[in-house]
PDB file of all heavy atoms in Angstrom:
ATOM      1  N   ILE A   1      50.227 337.158  62.113  1.00  0.00           N
ATOM      2  CA  ILE A   1      51.062 338.422  61.911  1.00  0.00           C
ATOM      3  C   ILE A   1      52.371 338.163  62.512  1.00  0.00           C
ATOM      4  O   ILE A   1      52.586 337.799  63.617  1.00  0.00           O
ATOM      5  CB  ILE A   1      50.338 339.535  62.666  1.00  0.00           C
ATOM      6  CG1 ILE A   1      48.958 339.777  62.045  1.00  0.00           C
ATOM      7  CG2 ILE A   1      51.171 340.839  62.565  1.00  0.00           C
ATOM      8  CD1 ILE A   1      48.107 340.869  62.841  1.00  0.00           C
ATOM      9  N   SER A   2      53.410 338.433  61.673  1.00  0.00           N
ATOM     10  CA  SER A   2      54.748 338.370  62.140  1.00  0.00           C
ATOM     11  C   SER A   2      55.093 339.605  63.020  1.00  0.00           C
ATOM     12  O   SER A   2      54.401 340.631  62.934  1.00  0.00           O
ATOM     13  CB  SER A   2      55.742 338.262  60.981  1.00  0.00           C
ATOM     14  OG  SER A   2      55.802 339.542  60.316  1.00  0.00           O
ATOM     15  N   PRO A   3      56.097 339.467  63.899  1.00  0.00           N
ATOM     16  CA  PRO A   3      56.363 340.587  64.828  1.00  0.00           C
ATOM     17  C   PRO A   3      56.683 341.907  64.048  1.00  0.00           C
ATOM     18  O   PRO A   3      56.212 342.990  64.372  1.00  0.00           O
ATOM     19  CB  PRO A   3      57.641 340.145  65.588  1.00  0.00           C
ATOM     20  CG  PRO A   3      57.528 338.664  65.550  1.00  0.00           C
ATOM     21  CD  PRO A   3      56.869 338.305  64.241  1.00  0.00           C
ATOM     22  N   ALA A   4      57.358 341.794  62.862  1.00  0.00           N
ATOM     23  CA  ALA A   4      57.647 343.015  62.062  1.00  0.00           C
ATOM     24  C   ALA A   4      56.406 343.584  61.517  1.00  0.00           C
ATOM     25  O   ALA A   4      56.237 344.824  61.522  1.00  0.00           O
ATOM     26  CB  ALA A   4      58.628 342.680  60.992  1.00  0.00           C
ATOM     27  N   SER A   5      55.542 342.764  60.995  1.00  0.00           N
ATOM     28  CA  SER A   5      54.306 343.271  60.386  1.00  0.00           C
ATOM     29  C   SER A   5      53.356 343.828  61.513  1.00  0.00           C
ATOM     30  O   SER A   5      52.537 344.767  61.208  1.00  0.00           O
ATOM     31  CB  SER A   5      53.551 342.235  59.529  1.00  0.00           C
ATOM     32  OG  SER A   5      53.165 341.153  60.252  1.00  0.00           O
ATOM     33  N   ALA A   6      53.452 343.276  62.714  1.00  0.00           N
ATOM     34  CA  ALA A   6      52.651 343.756  63.845  1.00  0.00           C
ATOM     35  C   ALA A   6      53.011 345.213  64.166  1.00  0.00           C
ATOM     36  O   ALA A   6      52.184 346.051  64.420  1.00  0.00           O
ATOM     37  CB  ALA A   6      52.783 342.888  65.084  1.00  0.00           C
ATOM     38  N   ILE A   7      54.329 345.489  64.090  1.00  0.00           N
ATOM     39  CA  ILE A   7      54.848 346.866  64.325  1.00  0.00           C
ATOM     40  C   ILE A   7      54.301 347.780  63.205  1.00  0.00           C
ATOM     41  O   ILE A   7      53.872 348.808  63.451  1.00  0.00           O
ATOM     42  CB  ILE A   7      56.340 346.838  64.366  1.00  0.00           C
ATOM     43  CG1 ILE A   7      56.840 346.126  65.696  1.00  0.00           C
ATOM     44  CG2 ILE A   7      56.889 348.289  64.430  1.00  0.00           C
ATOM     45  CD1 ILE A   7      58.318 345.816  65.724  1.00  0.00           C
ATOM     46  N   ASP A   8      54.438 347.274  61.983  1.00  0.00           N
ATOM     47  CA  ASP A   8      53.933 348.117  60.872  1.00  0.00           C
ATOM     48  C   ASP A   8      52.463 348.338  60.997  1.00  0.00           C
ATOM     49  O   ASP A   8      51.912 349.426  60.674  1.00  0.00           O
ATOM     50  CB  ASP A   8      54.188 347.433  59.521  1.00  0.00           C
ATOM     51  CG  ASP A   8      55.689 347.331  59.189  1.00  0.00           C
ATOM     52  OD1 ASP A   8      56.465 348.134  59.745  1.00  0.00           O
ATOM     53  OD2 ASP A   8      56.065 346.436  58.397  1.00  0.00           O
ATOM     54  N   GLU A   9      51.693 347.316  61.404  1.00  0.00           N
ATOM     55  CA  GLU A   9      50.302 347.492  61.573  1.00  0.00           C
ATOM     56  C   GLU A   9      49.983 348.500  62.662  1.00  0.00           C
ATOM     57  O   GLU A   9      49.068 349.334  62.535  1.00  0.00           O
ATOM     58  CB  GLU A   9      49.627 346.144  61.894  1.00  0.00           C
ATOM     59  CG  GLU A   9      48.107 346.132  62.046  1.00  0.00           C
ATOM     60  CD  GLU A   9      47.539 344.829  62.248  1.00  0.00           C
ATOM     61  OE1 GLU A   9      47.621 344.387  63.418  1.00  0.00           O
ATOM     62  OE2 GLU A   9      47.000 344.237  61.302  1.00  0.00           O
ATOM     63  N   THR A  10      50.670 348.409  63.770  1.00  0.00           N
ATOM     64  CA  THR A  10      50.478 349.394  64.862  1.00  0.00           C
ATOM     65  C   THR A  10      50.808 350.813  64.366  1.00  0.00           C
ATOM     66  O   THR A  10      50.027 351.684  64.683  1.00  0.00           O
ATOM     67  CB  THR A  10      51.410 349.008  66.056  1.00  0.00           C
ATOM     68  OG1 THR A  10      51.054 347.719  66.483  1.00  0.00           O
ATOM     69  CG2 THR A  10      51.205 350.007  67.212  1.00  0.00           C
ATOM     70  N   THR A  11      51.796 350.954  63.579  1.00  0.00           N
ATOM     71  CA  THR A  11      52.143 352.275  63.081  1.00  0.00           C
ATOM     72  C   THR A  11      51.081 352.775  62.171  1.00  0.00           C
ATOM     73  O   THR A  11      50.681 353.927  62.148  1.00  0.00           O
ATOM     74  CB  THR A  11      53.529 352.159  62.272  1.00  0.00           C
ATOM     75  OG1 THR A  11      54.523 351.724  63.133  1.00  0.00           O
ATOM     76  CG2 THR A  11      53.941 353.523  61.698  1.00  0.00           C
ATOM     77  N   LEU A  12      50.523 351.878  61.253  1.00  0.00           N
ATOM     78  CA  LEU A  12      49.446 352.311  60.392  1.00  0.00           C
ATOM     79  C   LEU A  12      48.217 352.631  61.184  1.00  0.00           C
ATOM     80  O   LEU A  12      47.577 353.666  60.813  1.00  0.00           O
ATOM     81  CB  LEU A  12      49.126 351.104  59.486  1.00  0.00           C
ATOM     82  CG  LEU A  12      50.047 350.861  58.329  1.00  0.00           C
ATOM     83  CD1 LEU A  12      49.661 349.552  57.603  1.00  0.00           C
ATOM     84  CD2 LEU A  12      50.110 352.020  57.342  1.00  0.00           C
ATOM     85  N   ILE A  13      47.844 351.905  62.230  1.00  0.00           N
ATOM     86  CA  ILE A  13      46.690 352.201  63.039  1.00  0.00           C
ATOM     87  C   ILE A  13      46.852 353.586  63.630  1.00  0.00           C
ATOM     88  O   ILE A  13      45.950 354.412  63.609  1.00  0.00           O
ATOM     89  CB  ILE A  13      46.488 351.131  64.063  1.00  0.00           C
ATOM     90  CG1 ILE A  13      46.077 349.789  63.398  1.00  0.00           C
ATOM     91  CG2 ILE A  13      45.436 351.610  65.142  1.00  0.00           C
ATOM     92  CD1 ILE A  13      46.043 348.587  64.311  1.00  0.00           C
ATOM     93  N   ARG A  14      48.036 353.848  64.243  1.00  0.00           N
ATOM     94  CA  ARG A  14      48.231 355.172  64.891  1.00  0.00           C
ATOM     95  C   ARG A  14      48.148 356.294  63.863  1.00  0.00           C
ATOM     96  O   ARG A  14      47.582 357.304  64.110  1.00  0.00           O
ATOM     97  CB  ARG A  14      49.538 355.128  65.625  1.00  0.00           C
ATOM     98  CG  ARG A  14      49.537 354.291  66.849  1.00  0.00           C
ATOM     99  CD  ARG A  14      50.703 354.402  67.665  1.00  0.00           C
ATOM    100  NE  ARG A  14      50.603 353.554  68.847  1.00  0.00           N
ATOM    101  CZ  ARG A  14      51.552 352.841  69.432  1.00  0.00           C
ATOM    102  NH1 ARG A  14      52.781 352.927  68.889  1.00  0.00           N
ATOM    103  NH2 ARG A  14      51.361 352.131  70.465  1.00  0.00           N
ATOM    104  N   ALA A  15      48.714 356.111  62.650  1.00  0.00           N
ATOM    105  CA  ALA A  15      48.698 357.008  61.624  1.00  0.00           C
ATOM    106  C   ALA A  15      47.241 357.315  61.193  1.00  0.00           C
ATOM    107  O   ALA A  15      46.825 358.508  60.991  1.00  0.00           O
ATOM    108  CB  ALA A  15      49.564 356.660  60.431  1.00  0.00           C
ATOM    109  N   ALA A  16      46.456 356.264  61.023  1.00  0.00           N
ATOM    110  CA  ALA A  16      45.071 356.328  60.563  1.00  0.00           C
ATOM    111  C   ALA A  16      44.288 357.145  61.695  1.00  0.00           C
ATOM    112  O   ALA A  16      43.429 357.964  61.365  1.00  0.00           O
ATOM    113  CB  ALA A  16      44.477 355.047  60.366  1.00  0.00           C
ATOM    114  N   GLN A  17      44.557 356.850  62.942  1.00  0.00           N
ATOM    115  CA  GLN A  17      43.849 357.586  63.998  1.00  0.00           C
ATOM    116  C   GLN A  17      44.167 359.077  63.952  1.00  0.00           C
ATOM    117  O   GLN A  17      43.317 359.892  64.449  1.00  0.00           O
ATOM    118  CB  GLN A  17      44.299 357.027  65.361  1.00  0.00           C
ATOM    119  CG  GLN A  17      43.717 355.593  65.632  1.00  0.00           C
ATOM    120  CD  GLN A  17      44.191 354.937  66.882  1.00  0.00           C
ATOM    121  OE1 GLN A  17      45.346 355.224  67.269  1.00  0.00           O
ATOM    122  NE2 GLN A  17      43.358 354.138  67.499  1.00  0.00           N
ATOM    123  N   ARG A  18      45.303 359.437  63.454  1.00  0.00           N
ATOM    124  CA  ARG A  18      45.746 360.852  63.353  1.00  0.00           C
ATOM    125  C   ARG A  18      45.146 361.443  62.063  1.00  0.00           C
ATOM    126  O   ARG A  18      45.412 362.608  61.809  1.00  0.00           O
ATOM    127  CB  ARG A  18      47.209 360.979  63.368  1.00  0.00           C
ATOM    128  CG  ARG A  18      47.862 360.717  64.718  1.00  0.00           C
ATOM    129  CD  ARG A  18      49.361 361.102  64.752  1.00  0.00           C
ATOM    130  NE  ARG A  18      50.116 360.541  63.697  1.00  0.00           N
ATOM    131  CZ  ARG A  18      50.790 359.393  63.820  1.00  0.00           C
ATOM    132  NH1 ARG A  18      50.678 358.652  64.894  1.00  0.00           N
ATOM    133  NH2 ARG A  18      51.440 358.846  62.799  1.00  0.00           N
ATOM    134  N   GLY A  19      44.441 360.648  61.290  1.00  0.00           N
ATOM    135  CA  GLY A  19      43.782 361.212  60.004  1.00  0.00           C
ATOM    136  C   GLY A  19      44.526 360.932  58.803  1.00  0.00           C
ATOM    137  O   GLY A  19      44.169 361.411  57.746  1.00  0.00           O
ATOM    138  N   ASP A  20      45.541 360.062  58.798  1.00  0.00           N
ATOM    139  CA  ASP A  20      46.264 359.708  57.609  1.00  0.00           C
ATOM    140  C   ASP A  20      45.465 358.780  56.729  1.00  0.00           C
ATOM    141  O   ASP A  20      45.220 357.620  57.045  1.00  0.00           O
ATOM    142  CB  ASP A  20      47.604 359.078  58.013  1.00  0.00           C
ATOM    143  CG  ASP A  20      48.537 358.767  56.890  1.00  0.00           C
ATOM    144  OD1 ASP A  20      47.978 358.492  55.740  1.00  0.00           O
ATOM    145  OD2 ASP A  20      49.702 358.688  57.048  1.00  0.00           O
ATOM    146  N   GLU A  21      44.908 359.340  55.648  1.00  0.00           N
ATOM    147  CA  GLU A  21      44.048 358.540  54.792  1.00  0.00           C
ATOM    148  C   GLU A  21      44.777 357.380  54.083  1.00  0.00           C
ATOM    149  O   GLU A  21      44.176 356.400  53.816  1.00  0.00           O
ATOM    150  CB  GLU A  21      43.335 359.535  53.786  1.00  0.00           C
ATOM    151  CG  GLU A  21      42.433 360.407  54.427  1.00  0.00           C
ATOM    152  CD  GLU A  21      41.683 361.377  53.418  1.00  0.00           C
ATOM    153  OE1 GLU A  21      41.713 361.068  52.176  1.00  0.00           O
ATOM    154  OE2 GLU A  21      41.202 362.425  53.885  1.00  0.00           O
ATOM    155  N   ASP A  22      46.072 357.574  53.742  1.00  0.00           N
ATOM    156  CA  ASP A  22      46.784 356.480  53.095  1.00  0.00           C
ATOM    157  C   ASP A  22      46.974 355.287  54.066  1.00  0.00           C
ATOM    158  O   ASP A  22      46.844 354.175  53.662  1.00  0.00           O
ATOM    159  CB  ASP A  22      48.143 357.028  52.600  1.00  0.00           C
ATOM    160  CG  ASP A  22      48.035 357.956  51.473  1.00  0.00           C
ATOM    161  OD1 ASP A  22      47.067 357.879  50.638  1.00  0.00           O
ATOM    162  OD2 ASP A  22      48.943 358.883  51.311  1.00  0.00           O
ATOM    163  N   ALA A  23      47.223 355.619  55.269  1.00  0.00           N
ATOM    164  CA  ALA A  23      47.398 354.576  56.284  1.00  0.00           C
ATOM    165  C   ALA A  23      46.074 353.795  56.490  1.00  0.00           C
ATOM    166  O   ALA A  23      46.067 352.610  56.524  1.00  0.00           O
ATOM    167  CB  ALA A  23      47.855 355.075  57.634  1.00  0.00           C
ATOM    168  N   PHE A  24      45.017 354.586  56.501  1.00  0.00           N
ATOM    169  CA  PHE A  24      43.671 353.889  56.645  1.00  0.00           C
ATOM    170  C   PHE A  24      43.397 353.020  55.439  1.00  0.00           C
ATOM    171  O   PHE A  24      42.947 351.868  55.579  1.00  0.00           O
ATOM    172  CB  PHE A  24      42.605 354.939  56.776  1.00  0.00           C
ATOM    173  CG  PHE A  24      41.232 354.397  56.968  1.00  0.00           C
ATOM    174  CD1 PHE A  24      40.810 353.759  58.112  1.00  0.00           C
ATOM    175  CD2 PHE A  24      40.304 354.393  55.884  1.00  0.00           C
ATOM    176  CE1 PHE A  24      39.508 353.153  58.207  1.00  0.00           C
ATOM    177  CE2 PHE A  24      39.027 353.807  56.001  1.00  0.00           C
ATOM    178  CZ  PHE A  24      38.665 353.219  57.146  1.00  0.00           C
ATOM    179  N   GLU A  25      43.732 353.532  54.246  1.00  0.00           N
ATOM    180  CA  GLU A  25      43.488 352.714  53.080  1.00  0.00           C
ATOM    181  C   GLU A  25      44.306 351.453  53.038  1.00  0.00           C
ATOM    182  O   GLU A  25      43.786 350.402  52.694  1.00  0.00           O
ATOM    183  CB  GLU A  25      43.858 353.520  51.816  1.00  0.00           C
ATOM    184  CG  GLU A  25      43.517 352.808  50.511  1.00  0.00           C
ATOM    185  CD  GLU A  25      43.779 353.747  49.285  1.00  0.00           C
ATOM    186  OE1 GLU A  25      43.727 354.965  49.420  1.00  0.00           O
ATOM    187  OE2 GLU A  25      44.082 353.176  48.210  1.00  0.00           O
ATOM    188  N   GLN A  26      45.494 351.470  53.513  1.00  0.00           N
ATOM    189  CA  GLN A  26      46.304 350.298  53.637  1.00  0.00           C
ATOM    190  C   GLN A  26      45.709 349.285  54.580  1.00  0.00           C
ATOM    191  O   GLN A  26      45.709 348.086  54.318  1.00  0.00           O
ATOM    192  CB  GLN A  26      47.732 350.598  54.032  1.00  0.00           C
ATOM    193  CG  GLN A  26      48.663 351.210  53.023  1.00  0.00           C
ATOM    194  CD  GLN A  26      49.996 351.499  53.451  1.00  0.00           C
ATOM    195  OE1 GLN A  26      50.284 352.412  54.202  1.00  0.00           O
ATOM    196  NE2 GLN A  26      50.919 350.624  53.094  1.00  0.00           N
ATOM    197  N   LEU A  27      45.228 349.772  55.701  1.00  0.00           N
ATOM    198  CA  LEU A  27      44.602 348.862  56.656  1.00  0.00           C
ATOM    199  C   LEU A  27      43.306 348.193  56.052  1.00  0.00           C
ATOM    200  O   LEU A  27      43.105 346.985  56.191  1.00  0.00           O
ATOM    201  CB  LEU A  27      44.211 349.660  57.957  1.00  0.00           C
ATOM    202  CG  LEU A  27      45.438 350.006  58.808  1.00  0.00           C
ATOM    203  CD1 LEU A  27      44.963 351.003  59.888  1.00  0.00           C
ATOM    204  CD2 LEU A  27      45.962 348.750  59.484  1.00  0.00           C
ATOM    205  N   VAL A  28      42.500 349.013  55.331  1.00  0.00           N
ATOM    206  CA  VAL A  28      41.347 348.473  54.746  1.00  0.00           C
ATOM    207  C   VAL A  28      41.665 347.448  53.749  1.00  0.00           C
ATOM    208  O   VAL A  28      41.099 346.266  53.737  1.00  0.00           O
ATOM    209  CB  VAL A  28      40.509 349.618  54.073  1.00  0.00           C
ATOM    210  CG1 VAL A  28      39.350 349.015  53.144  1.00  0.00           C
ATOM    211  CG2 VAL A  28      39.855 350.497  55.120  1.00  0.00           C
ATOM    212  N   ARG A  29      42.641 347.663  52.876  1.00  0.00           N
ATOM    213  CA  ARG A  29      43.106 346.674  51.894  1.00  0.00           C
ATOM    214  C   ARG A  29      43.613 345.391  52.543  1.00  0.00           C
ATOM    215  O   ARG A  29      43.440 344.352  51.985  1.00  0.00           O
ATOM    216  CB  ARG A  29      44.202 347.259  51.039  1.00  0.00           C
ATOM    217  CG  ARG A  29      43.682 348.240  49.996  1.00  0.00           C
ATOM    218  CD  ARG A  29      44.831 348.781  49.128  1.00  0.00           C
ATOM    219  NE  ARG A  29      44.331 349.743  48.187  1.00  0.00           N
ATOM    220  CZ  ARG A  29      44.984 350.482  47.401  1.00  0.00           C
ATOM    221  NH1 ARG A  29      46.339 350.411  47.538  1.00  0.00           N
ATOM    222  NH2 ARG A  29      44.499 351.369  46.616  1.00  0.00           N
ATOM    223  N   SER A  30      44.206 345.578  53.737  1.00  0.00           N
ATOM    224  CA  SER A  30      44.703 344.343  54.410  1.00  0.00           C
ATOM    225  C   SER A  30      43.602 343.510  54.974  1.00  0.00           C
ATOM    226  O   SER A  30      43.796 342.224  55.047  1.00  0.00           O
ATOM    227  CB  SER A  30      45.597 344.816  55.641  1.00  0.00           C
ATOM    228  OG  SER A  30      46.761 345.454  55.179  1.00  0.00           O
ATOM    229  N   TYR A  31      42.530 344.102  55.274  1.00  0.00           N
ATOM    230  CA  TYR A  31      41.432 343.330  56.012  1.00  0.00           C
ATOM    231  C   TYR A  31      40.154 343.193  55.182  1.00  0.00           C
ATOM    232  O   TYR A  31      39.218 342.472  55.603  1.00  0.00           O
ATOM    233  CB  TYR A  31      41.142 343.986  57.368  1.00  0.00           C
ATOM    234  CG  TYR A  31      42.213 343.784  58.343  1.00  0.00           C
ATOM    235  CD1 TYR A  31      43.163 344.749  58.559  1.00  0.00           C
ATOM    236  CD2 TYR A  31      42.321 342.575  58.991  1.00  0.00           C
ATOM    237  CE1 TYR A  31      44.230 344.529  59.442  1.00  0.00           C
ATOM    238  CE2 TYR A  31      43.411 342.367  59.906  1.00  0.00           C
ATOM    239  CZ  TYR A  31      44.305 343.361  60.091  1.00  0.00           C
ATOM    240  OH  TYR A  31      45.326 343.133  61.010  1.00  0.00           O
ATOM    241  N   ASP A  32      40.003 343.851  54.039  1.00  0.00           N
ATOM    242  CA  ASP A  32      38.712 343.865  53.392  1.00  0.00           C
ATOM    243  C   ASP A  32      38.181 342.564  53.022  1.00  0.00           C
ATOM    244  O   ASP A  32      37.023 342.176  53.236  1.00  0.00           O
ATOM    245  CB  ASP A  32      38.721 344.881  52.178  1.00  0.00           C
ATOM    246  CG  ASP A  32      39.574 344.421  51.045  1.00  0.00           C
ATOM    247  OD1 ASP A  32      40.471 343.562  51.288  1.00  0.00           O
ATOM    248  OD2 ASP A  32      39.379 344.972  49.986  1.00  0.00           O
ATOM    249  N   ARG A  33      39.015 341.653  52.427  1.00  0.00           N
ATOM    250  CA  ARG A  33      38.572 340.342  52.021  1.00  0.00           C
ATOM    251  C   ARG A  33      38.183 339.464  53.237  1.00  0.00           C
ATOM    252  O   ARG A  33      37.182 338.771  53.179  1.00  0.00           O
ATOM    253  CB  ARG A  33      39.600 339.622  51.162  1.00  0.00           C
ATOM    254  CG  ARG A  33      39.713 340.255  49.789  1.00  0.00           C
ATOM    255  CD  ARG A  33      40.722 339.509  48.949  1.00  0.00           C
ATOM    256  NE  ARG A  33      40.772 340.231  47.627  1.00  0.00           N
ATOM    257  CZ  ARG A  33      41.797 340.087  46.855  1.00  0.00           C
ATOM    258  NH1 ARG A  33      42.837 339.402  47.177  1.00  0.00           N
ATOM    259  NH2 ARG A  33      41.750 340.762  45.679  1.00  0.00           N
ATOM    260  N   ALA A  34      38.943 339.585  54.273  1.00  0.00           N
ATOM    261  CA  ALA A  34      38.666 338.760  55.463  1.00  0.00           C
ATOM    262  C   ALA A  34      37.315 339.236  56.103  1.00  0.00           C
ATOM    263  O   ALA A  34      36.578 338.359  56.546  1.00  0.00           O
ATOM    264  CB  ALA A  34      39.838 338.821  56.491  1.00  0.00           C
ATOM    265  N   VAL A  35      37.135 340.494  56.162  1.00  0.00           N
ATOM    266  CA  VAL A  35      35.903 340.986  56.707  1.00  0.00           C
ATOM    267  C   VAL A  35      34.654 340.564  55.859  1.00  0.00           C
ATOM    268  O   VAL A  35      33.632 340.103  56.401  1.00  0.00           O
ATOM    269  CB  VAL A  35      35.895 342.556  56.879  1.00  0.00           C
ATOM    270  CG1 VAL A  35      34.564 343.110  57.256  1.00  0.00           C
ATOM    271  CG2 VAL A  35      36.962 342.977  57.911  1.00  0.00           C
ATOM    272  N   LEU A  36      34.771 340.692  54.581  1.00  0.00           N
ATOM    273  CA  LEU A  36      33.664 340.280  53.665  1.00  0.00           C
ATOM    274  C   LEU A  36      33.409 338.738  53.802  1.00  0.00           C
ATOM    275  O   LEU A  36      32.298 338.348  53.921  1.00  0.00           O
ATOM    276  CB  LEU A  36      33.966 340.681  52.240  1.00  0.00           C
ATOM    277  CG  LEU A  36      32.835 340.359  51.259  1.00  0.00           C
ATOM    278  CD1 LEU A  36      31.544 341.026  51.656  1.00  0.00           C
ATOM    279  CD2 LEU A  36      33.244 340.805  49.844  1.00  0.00           C
ATOM    280  N   ARG A  37      34.525 338.038  53.828  1.00  0.00           N
ATOM    281  CA  ARG A  37      34.353 336.554  53.943  1.00  0.00           C
ATOM    282  C   ARG A  37      33.664 336.184  55.285  1.00  0.00           C
ATOM    283  O   ARG A  37      32.792 335.328  55.310  1.00  0.00           O
ATOM    284  CB  ARG A  37      35.747 335.881  53.899  1.00  0.00           C
ATOM    285  CG  ARG A  37      35.713 334.366  53.793  1.00  0.00           C
ATOM    286  CD  ARG A  37      37.040 333.752  53.528  1.00  0.00           C
ATOM    287  NE  ARG A  37      38.220 334.343  54.144  1.00  0.00           N
ATOM    288  CZ  ARG A  37      39.140 335.011  53.374  1.00  0.00           C
ATOM    289  NH1 ARG A  37      38.951 335.288  52.127  1.00  0.00           N
ATOM    290  NH2 ARG A  37      40.147 335.620  53.993  1.00  0.00           N
ATOM    291  N   LEU A  38      34.026 336.810  56.342  1.00  0.00           N
ATOM    292  CA  LEU A  38      33.450 336.585  57.667  1.00  0.00           C
ATOM    293  C   LEU A  38      31.906 336.984  57.600  1.00  0.00           C
ATOM    294  O   LEU A  38      31.078 336.168  58.114  1.00  0.00           O
ATOM    295  CB  LEU A  38      34.123 337.388  58.750  1.00  0.00           C
ATOM    296  CG  LEU A  38      33.500 337.311  60.092  1.00  0.00           C
ATOM    297  CD1 LEU A  38      33.508 335.912  60.668  1.00  0.00           C
ATOM    298  CD2 LEU A  38      34.222 338.266  61.016  1.00  0.00           C
ATOM    299  N   ALA A  39      31.633 338.075  57.012  1.00  0.00           N
ATOM    300  CA  ALA A  39      30.200 338.482  56.871  1.00  0.00           C
ATOM    301  C   ALA A  39      29.424 337.488  56.023  1.00  0.00           C
ATOM    302  O   ALA A  39      28.285 337.095  56.404  1.00  0.00           O
ATOM    303  CB  ALA A  39      30.122 339.858  56.283  1.00  0.00           C
ATOM    304  N   MET A  40      30.018 336.963  54.998  1.00  0.00           N
ATOM    305  CA  MET A  40      29.353 336.016  54.168  1.00  0.00           C
ATOM    306  C   MET A  40      29.071 334.676  54.928  1.00  0.00           C
ATOM    307  O   MET A  40      28.025 334.082  54.841  1.00  0.00           O
ATOM    308  CB  MET A  40      30.154 335.633  52.934  1.00  0.00           C
ATOM    309  CG  MET A  40      30.111 336.745  51.856  1.00  0.00           C
ATOM    310  SD  MET A  40      28.491 336.749  51.052  1.00  0.00           S
ATOM    311  CE  MET A  40      28.426 335.217  50.299  1.00  0.00           C
TER     312      MET A  40
END
């Protein structure tokens, strides 16, 4: 994660914690393949 994307990620996490469904969806899209690959 580059420093700029880390800030964006932190912003998305905070927004998702406040109930922002779009922010949560962006986070899921960012990690869904990695999570599935790890589980496999």
